[in-house]
Amino acid sequence: MTYGQRARGTRVIRALVADDQAVVRTGFVNLLGTQEDIEVVGEAEDGAQAVRVAAETRPDLALLDIRMPHKNGIEAAREIMAASGGATKVLMLTTFGLDEYVYDALAAGAGGFLLKDATFPELLHAVRVVADGSALLSPEITKRLIAEFVHARGSRLPVRPPADLTARETEVLVLIARGLSNAEIADRLTITDHTVKTHINRLFAKLELRDRAQAVIAAYETGLVRAGGESGARRR
């Protein structure tokens, strides 16, 4: 069973909070503790401790600061997810929008990425979405992620759209990579939400993608999306 149970049969997300700054960590713990459907089962002040606590408590979600001593959040995420067989989901936190570790965190399997200055409702939404097995990326993080990837490569990547995707599926992939929600994609393409979900399910299956985070990576690794929001697919 993925979730614990509280009174009245409420599903409870069991969370681990890891941050080397005590004030920040305590703040997150206290905020999450106000929710009926979230229970903080462990805290850690560095990545190594986070791995140990996760092994002991087996949380549904690990909220990890990306920059921690002894073992950073990316290393901790890899070990926690490997030890849990993917049962523990990971939500990464950072102080900086342009963080050189963003790409590595997503590639390691993190289901979400959020700035520490996110509002309380945004934090709660992220915890619930990622714990449920979905992926969450803020539009700001998505844009900076793409720009950082292109900058790190030092030159433009050739446009290599996946051969198996239809033109519409490719278009949907580009919009996902730009941070648009299903509703926003439907509005942009003048199609229904159901049709958007169908396209997403098909392109995920064709590219063997787990979630939207991997879709973002796939989009800019093939050159479909570039810095500044430019679409490579349009320039073919």
Protein backbone atom coordinates (compact mmCIF):
# COMPACT_ATOMS: atom_id res chain seq x y z
CA MET A 1 0.00 0.00 0.00
CA THR A 2 1.48 3.33 -1.08
CA TYR A 3 -0.14 5.60 1.44
CA GLY A 4 -0.68 5.43 5.17
CA GLN A 5 -4.08 5.99 6.71
CA ARG A 6 -5.32 8.63 9.10
CA ALA A 7 -8.68 9.15 10.71
CA ARG A 8 -11.77 8.76 8.55
CA GLY A 9 -9.89 6.75 5.95
CA THR A 10 -7.97 9.72 4.49
CA ARG A 11 -5.07 8.71 2.26
CA VAL A 12 -1.86 10.06 3.75
CA ILE A 13 1.33 10.88 1.89
CA ARG A 14 4.30 9.87 4.04
CA ALA A 15 7.03 12.44 3.40
CA LEU A 16 10.72 12.87 4.15
CA VAL A 17 12.15 16.41 4.23
CA ALA A 18 15.89 16.91 3.67
CA ASP A 19 17.58 20.33 3.74
CA ASP A 20 20.86 21.38 5.33
CA GLN A 21 19.34 24.68 6.53
CA ALA A 22 17.51 23.95 9.79
CA VAL A 23 15.17 26.94 9.50
CA VAL A 24 14.10 25.98 5.98
CA ARG A 25 13.71 22.31 6.88
CA THR A 26 11.63 23.08 9.97
CA GLY A 27 9.48 25.46 7.97
CA PHE A 28 8.65 22.81 5.39
CA VAL A 29 8.00 20.21 8.08
CA ASN A 30 5.61 22.53 9.94
CA LEU A 31 3.78 23.56 6.77
CA LEU A 32 3.31 20.00 5.55
CA GLY A 33 2.24 18.96 9.03
CA THR A 34 -0.83 21.18 8.82
CA GLN A 35 -2.35 18.97 6.14
CA GLU A 36 -4.62 16.00 6.86
CA ASP A 37 -3.29 14.04 3.90
CA ILE A 38 0.45 14.57 4.54
CA GLU A 39 2.56 13.13 7.36
CA VAL A 40 6.26 13.94 7.75
CA VAL A 41 7.90 10.67 8.79
CA GLY A 42 11.50 11.82 8.76
CA GLU A 43 13.95 14.72 8.49
CA ALA A 44 17.55 14.92 7.30
CA GLU A 45 20.20 17.64 7.29
CA ASP A 46 22.33 16.19 4.48
CA GLY A 47 22.09 13.77 1.59
CA ALA A 48 23.74 10.83 3.33
CA GLN A 49 21.34 11.11 6.25
CA ALA A 50 18.41 11.39 3.84
CA VAL A 51 19.34 8.04 2.30
CA ARG A 52 19.53 6.41 5.74
CA VAL A 53 16.26 7.90 6.96
CA ALA A 54 14.50 6.93 3.73
CA ALA A 55 15.65 3.33 4.19
CA GLU A 56 14.25 3.34 7.72
CA THR A 57 10.94 5.09 7.07
CA ARG A 58 10.23 4.12 3.43
CA PRO A 59 8.40 7.37 2.60
CA ASP A 60 6.09 7.86 -0.37
CA LEU A 61 7.84 11.14 -1.16
CA ALA A 62 11.30 12.54 -0.50
CA LEU A 63 11.51 16.34 -0.59
CA LEU A 64 15.22 16.95 -1.24
CA ASP A 65 17.28 20.12 -1.38
CA ILE A 66 19.46 19.80 -4.47
CA ARG A 67 22.51 21.31 -2.71
CA MET A 68 23.42 19.44 0.48
CA PRO A 69 26.73 18.42 2.12
CA HIS A 70 28.17 14.89 2.21
CA LYS A 71 25.85 13.76 -0.58
CA ASN A 72 23.92 16.17 -2.80
CA GLY A 73 20.24 15.83 -3.58
CA ILE A 74 20.83 14.16 -6.95
CA GLU A 75 23.02 11.44 -5.48
CA ALA A 76 20.56 10.95 -2.64
CA ALA A 77 17.65 10.78 -5.09
CA ARG A 78 19.33 8.06 -7.15
CA GLU A 79 20.04 5.93 -4.08
CA ILE A 80 16.62 6.45 -2.50
CA MET A 81 14.74 5.55 -5.67
CA ALA A 82 16.97 2.55 -6.36
CA ALA A 83 16.58 1.21 -2.83
CA SER A 84 12.79 1.63 -2.92
CA GLY A 85 12.42 0.19 -6.40
CA GLY A 86 10.83 3.46 -7.49
CA ALA A 87 8.21 3.39 -4.74
CA THR A 88 9.58 6.59 -3.19
CA LYS A 89 9.02 9.59 -5.46
CA VAL A 90 11.34 12.57 -5.36
CA LEU A 91 10.58 16.30 -5.43
CA MET A 92 13.68 18.48 -5.73
CA LEU A 93 14.04 21.95 -4.23
CA THR A 94 16.44 24.72 -5.18
CA THR A 95 17.02 28.35 -4.29
CA PHE A 96 18.14 29.24 -7.78
CA GLY A 97 16.04 29.01 -10.93
CA LEU A 98 19.13 28.63 -13.10
CA ASP A 99 20.73 25.68 -11.38
CA GLU A 100 23.33 23.61 -13.20
CA TYR A 101 21.97 20.51 -11.50
CA VAL A 102 18.43 20.76 -12.86
CA TYR A 103 19.05 18.53 -15.86
CA ASP A 104 20.91 15.93 -13.80
CA ALA A 105 18.10 15.84 -11.24
CA LEU A 106 15.49 15.11 -13.88
CA ALA A 107 17.71 12.57 -15.61
CA ALA A 108 18.15 10.85 -12.24
CA GLY A 109 14.40 10.32 -12.08
CA ALA A 110 13.12 13.20 -9.97
CA GLY A 111 9.41 13.66 -10.59
CA GLY A 112 9.32 17.35 -9.83
CA PHE A 113 11.36 20.48 -9.42
CA LEU A 114 10.33 23.53 -7.44
CA LEU A 115 11.91 26.80 -6.34
CA LYS A 116 12.14 27.33 -2.60
CA ASP A 117 10.28 30.62 -2.92
CA ALA A 118 7.20 28.83 -4.25
CA THR A 119 3.99 29.65 -2.42
CA PHE A 120 2.52 27.26 0.14
CA PRO A 121 -0.29 26.19 -2.23
CA GLU A 122 2.29 25.54 -4.96
CA LEU A 123 4.35 23.40 -2.59
CA LEU A 124 1.34 21.37 -1.49
CA HIS A 125 0.24 20.88 -5.08
CA ALA A 126 3.73 19.70 -6.05
CA VAL A 127 3.90 17.23 -3.15
CA ARG A 128 0.53 15.72 -4.04
CA VAL A 129 1.17 15.55 -7.77
CA VAL A 130 4.61 13.95 -7.49
CA ALA A 131 3.55 11.54 -4.72
CA ASP A 132 0.73 10.40 -6.98
CA GLY A 133 3.28 9.34 -9.58
CA SER A 134 2.91 12.26 -11.95
CA ALA A 135 5.58 14.81 -12.85
CA LEU A 136 5.60 18.50 -12.08
CA LEU A 137 7.79 21.21 -13.54
CA SER A 138 7.10 24.88 -13.10
CA PRO A 139 7.11 26.81 -16.42
CA GLU A 140 9.98 28.98 -15.13
CA ILE A 141 12.11 25.95 -14.30
CA THR A 142 11.28 24.41 -17.67
CA LYS A 143 12.43 27.50 -19.61
CA ARG A 144 15.64 27.80 -17.61
CA LEU A 145 16.26 24.07 -17.93
CA ILE A 146 16.16 24.26 -21.72
CA ALA A 147 18.41 27.34 -21.81
CA GLU A 148 20.93 25.71 -19.46
CA PHE A 149 21.02 22.52 -21.52
CA VAL A 150 21.74 24.39 -24.77
CA HIS A 151 24.34 26.62 -23.10
CA ALA A 152 26.11 23.62 -21.55
CA ARG A 153 26.41 21.98 -24.97
CA GLY A 154 28.05 25.09 -26.39
CA SER A 155 26.33 24.80 -29.76
CA ARG A 156 22.99 24.07 -31.29
CA LEU A 157 21.91 20.49 -31.51
CA PRO A 158 20.75 19.13 -34.86
CA VAL A 159 16.99 18.78 -35.09
CA ARG A 160 16.22 15.07 -34.95
CA PRO A 161 12.48 14.69 -34.32
CA PRO A 162 11.59 11.13 -33.29
CA ALA A 163 10.69 9.33 -36.51
CA ASP A 164 7.75 7.44 -35.03
CA LEU A 165 5.84 10.55 -33.91
CA THR A 166 3.14 12.15 -35.99
CA ALA A 167 3.31 15.89 -36.67
CA ARG A 168 0.66 16.55 -34.03
CA GLU A 169 2.40 14.35 -31.44
CA THR A 170 5.63 16.21 -32.10
CA GLU A 171 3.80 19.50 -31.62
CA VAL A 172 2.35 18.31 -28.32
CA LEU A 173 5.82 17.20 -27.16
CA VAL A 174 7.19 20.67 -27.89
CA LEU A 175 4.41 22.31 -25.88
CA ILE A 176 4.96 19.94 -22.94
CA ALA A 177 8.63 20.90 -22.98
CA ARG A 178 7.65 24.57 -22.84
CA GLY A 179 5.79 23.90 -19.59
CA LEU A 180 2.20 24.03 -20.83
CA SER A 181 -0.48 22.06 -19.01
CA ASN A 182 -2.91 19.75 -20.82
CA ALA A 183 -5.59 22.45 -20.72
CA GLU A 184 -3.20 25.05 -22.15
CA ILE A 185 -2.12 22.66 -24.91
CA ALA A 186 -5.75 21.98 -25.78
CA ASP A 187 -6.43 25.71 -25.98
CA ARG A 188 -3.31 26.38 -28.07
CA LEU A 189 -4.11 23.62 -30.58
CA THR A 190 -7.90 24.08 -30.45
CA ILE A 191 -8.54 20.47 -29.50
CA THR A 192 -10.18 18.79 -26.51
CA ASP A 193 -8.43 17.80 -23.29
CA HIS A 194 -9.24 14.17 -24.10
CA THR A 195 -7.49 14.45 -27.46
CA VAL A 196 -4.43 15.99 -25.76
CA LYS A 197 -4.29 13.07 -23.32
CA THR A 198 -4.53 10.63 -26.22
CA HIS A 199 -1.62 12.28 -28.03
CA ILE A 200 0.43 12.33 -24.82
CA ASN A 201 -0.25 8.67 -24.07
CA ARG A 202 0.76 7.71 -27.60
CA LEU A 203 3.98 9.73 -27.70
CA PHE A 204 4.94 8.51 -24.22
CA ALA A 205 4.44 4.92 -25.38
CA LYS A 206 6.40 5.43 -28.61
CA LEU A 207 9.34 7.12 -26.87
CA GLU A 208 9.10 4.94 -23.75
CA LEU A 209 8.76 7.98 -21.49
CA ARG A 210 7.80 7.70 -17.84
CA ASP A 211 6.47 11.21 -17.27
CA ARG A 212 6.53 14.86 -18.36
CA ALA A 213 10.00 15.37 -16.91
CA GLN A 214 11.40 12.78 -19.29
CA ALA A 215 9.37 14.36 -22.09
CA VAL A 216 11.16 17.67 -21.51
CA ILE A 217 14.52 15.93 -21.70
CA ALA A 218 13.53 14.10 -24.90
CA ALA A 219 12.33 17.33 -26.53
CA TYR A 220 15.56 19.25 -26.14
CA GLU A 221 17.90 16.29 -26.57
CA THR A 222 16.45 15.89 -30.06
CA GLY A 223 16.68 19.64 -30.67
CA LEU A 224 12.91 20.12 -30.88
CA VAL A 225 13.03 22.89 -28.29
CA ARG A 226 15.83 25.41 -27.90
CA ALA A 227 16.80 28.35 -25.73
CA GLY A 228 14.36 31.23 -25.69
CA GLY A 229 11.40 28.98 -26.44
CA GLU A 230 12.35 28.52 -30.11
CA SER A 231 10.96 25.39 -31.71
CA GLY A 232 13.41 23.48 -33.85
CA ALA A 233 10.57 21.56 -35.43
CA ARG A 234 9.37 24.72 -37.13
CA ARG A 235 12.71 25.27 -38.84
CA ARG A 236 12.91 21.96 -40.66
